[in-house]
Amino acid sequence: MKKSLMKVLTVGLCLTIAVAFTACGSKKSADKSGAKKDSGKTYTVAMEPTFPPFNTTNKDGDLDGFDVDMLKAIAKDQGFKVEFKNMAFASLVPALKAGSADIVASGMSITDDRKKSVDFSDPYYESGLIVMVKKSNNTVKGESSLTKDMKVASQTGTTGADEATKLEKAGKIKKAVILDGFDTCVQQLKNEDVAAVIIDKPVGENYMAKQKGQFKAVGKTMSAENFGIAVKKGNKELLKQLNDGLKDIVKSGEFKKICDKWNVASIYQ
């Protein structure tokens, strides 16, 4: 009886040890695979959704676009979650400062002035500004041909708005019409309330593609600039995660897939 009991105990102990080693082996395999564990953290990503193809809304009214897919891919790679928040563009940087958002991904240009308030990730897109006019407009051929009797629109808080304001202050145009969204700017152009819109190149191209035959870009691309993901000044931990995640999705080819989906030119060839 004792021998039988000892045999049962010995077999049970061996099975327990075997299971333990198997579990350890599985854990090591998972670690070696490079997959990031779910940290349990959820970050709020703020964006202004009238900036297609980077920020827009889908047929269900949910936030969508290149920046949404990119942040989801980075979050998956780095083991955290993201939730998206619709905000006015001019409120994005203040939201980071106030802590009501952790990340801004909204086709935001990396500028020296913005660097004073927030920290930026590595660049993920090279952009620039264009002058967009109605297709029938043969007077405006670029920024240099804008005149003192013309109104020019752009979106508040953007580098396009900065450019339009500079033109007004220099007396080169009658008025810089600064509005809350590029869709409103384009409507003003359509109604001929303004002569032109200064707009980010990819966004202008998106509007022109969707509304064929209505608008055209004139002159040269102005103010070449890069887009970056913004975080609160000094948040080095989150910034590192974003940069590491961006590098990983570029290396894996996921970034290229997102570029192809939204017809965005990749700066990482």
Protein backbone atom coordinates (compact mmCIF):
# COMPACT_ATOMS: atom_id res chain seq x y z
CA MET A 1 0.00 0.00 0.00
CA LYS A 2 2.82 2.40 0.93
CA LYS A 3 4.72 1.49 -2.25
CA SER A 4 1.62 2.17 -4.37
CA LEU A 5 1.10 5.50 -2.60
CA MET A 6 4.72 6.46 -3.12
CA LYS A 7 4.48 5.55 -6.81
CA VAL A 8 1.38 7.75 -7.24
CA LEU A 9 3.05 10.66 -5.45
CA THR A 10 6.22 10.28 -7.53
CA VAL A 11 4.25 10.27 -10.81
CA GLY A 12 2.23 13.30 -9.68
CA LEU A 13 5.39 15.21 -8.76
CA CYS A 14 6.97 14.41 -12.13
CA LEU A 15 3.87 15.66 -13.97
CA THR A 16 3.86 18.88 -11.92
CA ILE A 17 7.54 19.52 -12.74
CA ALA A 18 6.95 18.75 -16.44
CA VAL A 19 4.03 21.20 -16.63
CA ALA A 20 6.09 23.86 -14.86
CA PHE A 21 8.98 23.46 -17.31
CA THR A 22 6.56 23.55 -20.26
CA ALA A 23 5.03 26.79 -18.96
CA CYS A 24 8.48 28.31 -18.53
CA GLY A 25 9.40 27.27 -22.04
CA SER A 26 6.25 28.89 -23.44
CA LYS A 27 7.00 32.10 -21.56
CA LYS A 28 10.51 32.22 -22.92
CA SER A 29 9.21 31.67 -26.45
CA ALA A 30 6.78 34.54 -26.07
CA ASP A 31 9.56 36.78 -24.78
CA LYS A 32 11.87 35.80 -27.64
CA SER A 33 9.15 36.56 -30.21
CA GLY A 34 9.47 40.26 -29.42
CA ALA A 35 5.73 40.70 -28.80
CA LYS A 36 4.97 43.41 -26.26
CA LYS A 37 2.78 42.50 -23.28
CA ASP A 38 -0.43 44.45 -22.75
CA SER A 39 0.57 47.19 -20.30
CA GLY A 40 -3.04 47.88 -19.40
CA LYS A 41 -2.53 51.56 -20.25
CA THR A 42 -4.97 53.48 -22.43
CA TYR A 43 -3.91 56.78 -23.97
CA THR A 44 -6.26 59.44 -25.30
CA VAL A 45 -5.40 60.55 -28.84
CA ALA A 46 -6.82 63.93 -29.84
CA MET A 47 -7.39 64.94 -33.45
CA GLU A 48 -9.48 67.26 -35.63
CA PRO A 49 -11.35 65.19 -38.24
CA THR A 50 -11.61 67.58 -41.18
CA PHE A 51 -8.11 66.88 -42.46
CA PRO A 52 -8.44 63.95 -44.88
CA PRO A 53 -6.75 61.60 -45.56
CA PHE A 54 -5.00 61.95 -42.18
CA ASN A 55 -8.05 62.69 -40.04
CA THR A 56 -11.64 62.18 -41.10
CA THR A 57 -14.81 60.32 -40.13
CA ASN A 58 -16.22 57.13 -41.62
CA LYS A 59 -19.82 56.37 -42.62
CA ASP A 60 -20.64 55.48 -39.00
CA GLY A 61 -19.35 58.82 -37.77
CA ASP A 62 -16.27 57.33 -36.09
CA LEU A 63 -12.86 58.97 -36.31
CA ASP A 64 -10.85 57.47 -39.14
CA GLY A 65 -7.90 58.16 -41.42
CA PHE A 66 -4.18 57.58 -41.80
CA ASP A 67 -3.32 58.87 -38.31
CA VAL A 68 -5.94 56.63 -36.70
CA ASP A 69 -4.60 53.49 -38.39
CA MET A 70 -0.99 54.47 -37.64
CA LEU A 71 -1.69 55.01 -33.93
CA LYS A 72 -3.60 51.73 -33.69
CA ALA A 73 -0.64 49.90 -35.25
CA ILE A 74 1.87 51.60 -32.91
CA ALA A 75 -0.33 50.86 -29.89
CA LYS A 76 -0.60 47.19 -30.85
CA ASP A 77 3.16 46.95 -31.32
CA GLN A 78 3.92 48.63 -27.99
CA GLY A 79 1.25 46.89 -25.90
CA PHE A 80 -1.01 49.79 -24.98
CA LYS A 81 -4.51 50.87 -26.04
CA VAL A 82 -5.75 54.10 -27.59
CA GLU A 83 -9.06 55.92 -27.60
CA PHE A 84 -9.68 58.79 -30.00
CA LYS A 85 -11.10 62.18 -29.16
CA ASN A 86 -12.57 64.75 -31.57
CA MET A 87 -11.29 68.27 -30.86
CA ALA A 88 -10.87 71.58 -32.67
CA PHE A 89 -7.37 71.91 -34.12
CA ALA A 90 -6.58 75.04 -32.11
CA SER A 91 -7.43 73.12 -28.90
CA LEU A 92 -5.05 70.21 -29.49
CA VAL A 93 -1.84 71.65 -28.00
CA PRO A 94 -3.70 73.18 -25.01
CA ALA A 95 -5.30 69.74 -24.42
CA LEU A 96 -1.84 68.16 -24.08
CA LYS A 97 -0.75 70.88 -21.67
CA ALA A 98 -3.91 70.48 -19.58
CA GLY A 99 -3.68 66.68 -19.53
CA SER A 100 -7.04 66.14 -21.22
CA ALA A 101 -5.19 64.32 -24.03
CA ASP A 102 -2.02 62.22 -23.98
CA ILE A 103 -1.23 62.23 -27.71
CA VAL A 104 -2.00 64.49 -30.66
CA ALA A 105 -2.01 62.84 -34.08
CA SER A 106 -3.65 65.27 -36.45
CA GLY A 107 -1.40 65.92 -39.41
CA MET A 108 0.47 68.36 -37.18
CA SER A 109 3.57 70.02 -38.62
CA ILE A 110 6.75 69.98 -36.54
CA THR A 111 7.63 73.65 -36.09
CA ASP A 112 10.09 75.47 -33.82
CA ASP A 113 7.24 77.42 -32.28
CA ARG A 114 5.27 74.25 -31.40
CA LYS A 115 8.42 72.61 -30.01
CA LYS A 116 8.34 75.20 -27.24
CA SER A 117 5.03 73.75 -26.02
CA VAL A 118 5.13 70.01 -26.89
CA ASP A 119 7.55 67.22 -27.76
CA PHE A 120 7.35 65.60 -31.19
CA SER A 121 8.01 62.06 -32.36
CA ASP A 122 10.21 61.27 -35.32
CA PRO A 123 8.58 62.59 -38.52
CA TYR A 124 6.16 60.31 -40.35
CA TYR A 125 5.19 62.45 -43.36
CA GLU A 126 6.78 65.21 -45.44
CA SER A 127 4.29 67.88 -46.43
CA GLY A 128 4.10 71.47 -47.65
CA LEU A 129 1.55 74.18 -48.41
CA ILE A 130 -0.22 74.85 -51.68
CA VAL A 131 -2.49 77.60 -52.97
CA MET A 132 -5.81 76.09 -54.07
CA VAL A 133 -8.22 78.03 -56.29
CA LYS A 134 -11.34 77.32 -58.32
CA LYS A 135 -10.69 75.56 -61.62
CA SER A 136 -12.07 78.56 -63.52
CA ASN A 137 -9.65 81.00 -61.84
CA ASN A 138 -6.96 82.01 -64.33
CA THR A 139 -5.82 85.09 -62.40
CA VAL A 140 -4.11 83.47 -59.42
CA LYS A 141 -1.11 81.46 -60.56
CA GLY A 142 0.58 81.06 -57.18
CA GLU A 143 1.27 82.87 -53.91
CA SER A 144 3.12 85.69 -55.68
CA SER A 145 0.08 86.57 -57.81
CA LEU A 146 -2.28 87.08 -54.85
CA THR A 147 -3.30 90.75 -54.71
CA LYS A 148 -4.39 93.41 -52.24
CA ASP A 149 -8.07 93.05 -53.12
CA MET A 150 -8.19 89.28 -52.43
CA LYS A 151 -9.31 87.31 -49.39
CA VAL A 152 -7.46 84.07 -48.64
CA ALA A 153 -8.75 81.36 -46.29
CA SER A 154 -7.00 78.78 -44.15
CA GLN A 155 -7.70 76.71 -41.03
CA THR A 156 -7.09 78.15 -37.58
CA GLY A 157 -3.97 76.89 -35.79
CA THR A 158 -2.29 75.60 -38.96
CA THR A 159 0.89 76.70 -40.73
CA GLY A 160 -1.39 77.67 -43.63
CA ALA A 161 -3.12 80.17 -41.33
CA ASP A 162 0.29 81.53 -40.32
CA GLU A 163 1.18 82.01 -44.00
CA ALA A 164 -2.12 83.74 -44.82
CA THR A 165 -1.74 86.03 -41.80
CA LYS A 166 1.79 86.97 -42.89
CA LEU A 167 0.48 87.89 -46.34
CA GLU A 168 -2.20 90.12 -44.79
CA LYS A 169 0.27 91.83 -42.44
CA ALA A 170 2.63 92.44 -45.38
CA GLY A 171 -0.25 94.09 -47.28
CA LYS A 172 -0.12 91.48 -50.06
CA ILE A 173 -3.76 90.40 -49.61
CA LYS A 174 -6.87 92.14 -48.34
CA LYS A 175 -7.69 89.70 -45.55
CA ALA A 176 -6.69 86.34 -44.10
CA VAL A 177 -9.95 84.49 -43.40
CA ILE A 178 -9.11 82.03 -40.64
CA LEU A 179 -11.79 79.38 -40.10
CA ASP A 180 -12.30 76.34 -37.85
CA GLY A 181 -12.01 73.64 -40.53
CA PHE A 182 -10.62 73.16 -44.02
CA ASP A 183 -14.02 71.94 -45.18
CA THR A 184 -15.41 75.38 -44.28
CA CYS A 185 -12.50 77.03 -46.12
CA VAL A 186 -13.22 74.96 -49.23
CA GLN A 187 -16.91 75.86 -49.05
CA GLN A 188 -15.94 79.55 -48.90
CA LEU A 189 -13.80 79.02 -52.00
CA LYS A 190 -16.64 77.22 -53.77
CA ASN A 191 -18.97 80.15 -52.98
CA GLU A 192 -16.30 82.60 -54.18
CA ASP A 193 -16.26 84.33 -50.78
CA VAL A 194 -12.47 83.95 -50.92
CA ALA A 195 -10.11 83.88 -53.89
CA ALA A 196 -7.89 81.07 -52.62
CA VAL A 197 -7.20 78.64 -49.80
CA ILE A 198 -3.73 77.98 -48.41
CA ILE A 199 -3.83 74.33 -47.46
CA ASP A 200 -1.54 71.39 -46.71
CA LYS A 201 -0.64 69.67 -49.95
CA PRO A 202 -2.04 66.15 -49.20
CA VAL A 203 -5.28 67.58 -47.86
CA GLY A 204 -5.74 69.86 -50.86
CA GLU A 205 -5.01 66.96 -53.20
CA ASN A 206 -7.62 64.89 -51.37
CA TYR A 207 -10.28 67.59 -51.82
CA MET A 208 -9.38 68.00 -55.50
CA ALA A 209 -9.57 64.25 -56.12
CA LYS A 210 -13.00 63.98 -54.46
CA GLN A 211 -14.42 67.06 -56.18
CA LYS A 212 -12.94 66.63 -59.64
CA GLY A 213 -13.02 69.58 -61.98
CA GLN A 214 -13.84 72.13 -59.25
CA PHE A 215 -10.43 73.13 -57.89
CA LYS A 216 -6.75 73.24 -58.85
CA ALA A 217 -3.40 73.88 -57.17
CA VAL A 218 -1.35 76.78 -58.53
CA GLY A 219 2.30 77.73 -58.14
CA LYS A 220 5.01 75.91 -56.24
CA THR A 221 4.72 73.96 -53.00
CA MET A 222 5.58 76.29 -50.12
CA SER A 223 7.14 75.66 -46.72
CA ALA A 224 8.21 72.01 -46.90
CA GLU A 225 7.54 70.54 -43.45
CA ASN A 226 7.23 67.24 -41.59
CA PHE A 227 4.28 65.86 -39.63
CA GLY A 228 4.92 64.42 -36.17
CA ILE A 229 3.01 62.89 -33.24
CA ALA A 230 2.91 65.29 -30.28
CA VAL A 231 2.99 64.55 -26.54
CA LYS A 232 3.14 66.71 -23.43
CA LYS A 233 6.49 68.42 -22.94
CA GLY A 234 8.81 66.13 -20.96
CA ASN A 235 6.83 62.89 -21.40
CA LYS A 236 9.92 60.93 -22.47
CA GLU A 237 8.48 57.49 -21.70
CA LEU A 238 5.49 57.86 -24.02
CA LEU A 239 7.61 59.57 -26.67
CA LYS A 240 10.02 56.61 -26.68
CA GLN A 241 7.12 54.18 -27.08
CA LEU A 242 5.79 56.14 -30.04
CA ASN A 243 9.21 56.33 -31.72
CA ASP A 244 9.94 52.64 -31.06
CA GLY A 245 6.50 51.66 -32.36
CA LEU A 246 6.90 53.79 -35.47
CA LYS A 247 10.26 52.18 -36.23
CA ASP A 248 8.79 48.71 -35.71
CA ILE A 249 5.80 49.20 -38.02
CA VAL A 250 8.07 50.69 -40.68
CA LYS A 251 10.37 47.67 -40.40
CA SER A 252 7.49 45.17 -40.48
CA GLY A 253 5.90 46.75 -43.55
CA GLU A 254 2.70 47.72 -41.69
CA PHE A 255 3.43 51.42 -42.17
CA LYS A 256 3.67 50.94 -45.95
CA LYS A 257 0.30 49.12 -45.94
CA ILE A 258 -1.31 52.07 -44.15
CA CYS A 259 0.29 54.50 -46.63
CA ASP A 260 -1.07 52.48 -49.55
CA LYS A 261 -4.55 52.29 -48.01
CA TRP A 262 -4.81 56.08 -47.67
CA ASN A 263 -2.80 56.97 -50.78
CA VAL A 264 -0.12 58.73 -48.72
CA ALA A 265 3.50 58.88 -49.90
CA SER A 266 5.84 57.18 -47.41
CA ILE A 267 9.00 59.00 -46.35
CA TYR A 268 10.49 55.63 -45.39
CA GLN A 269 11.40 53.95 -48.67
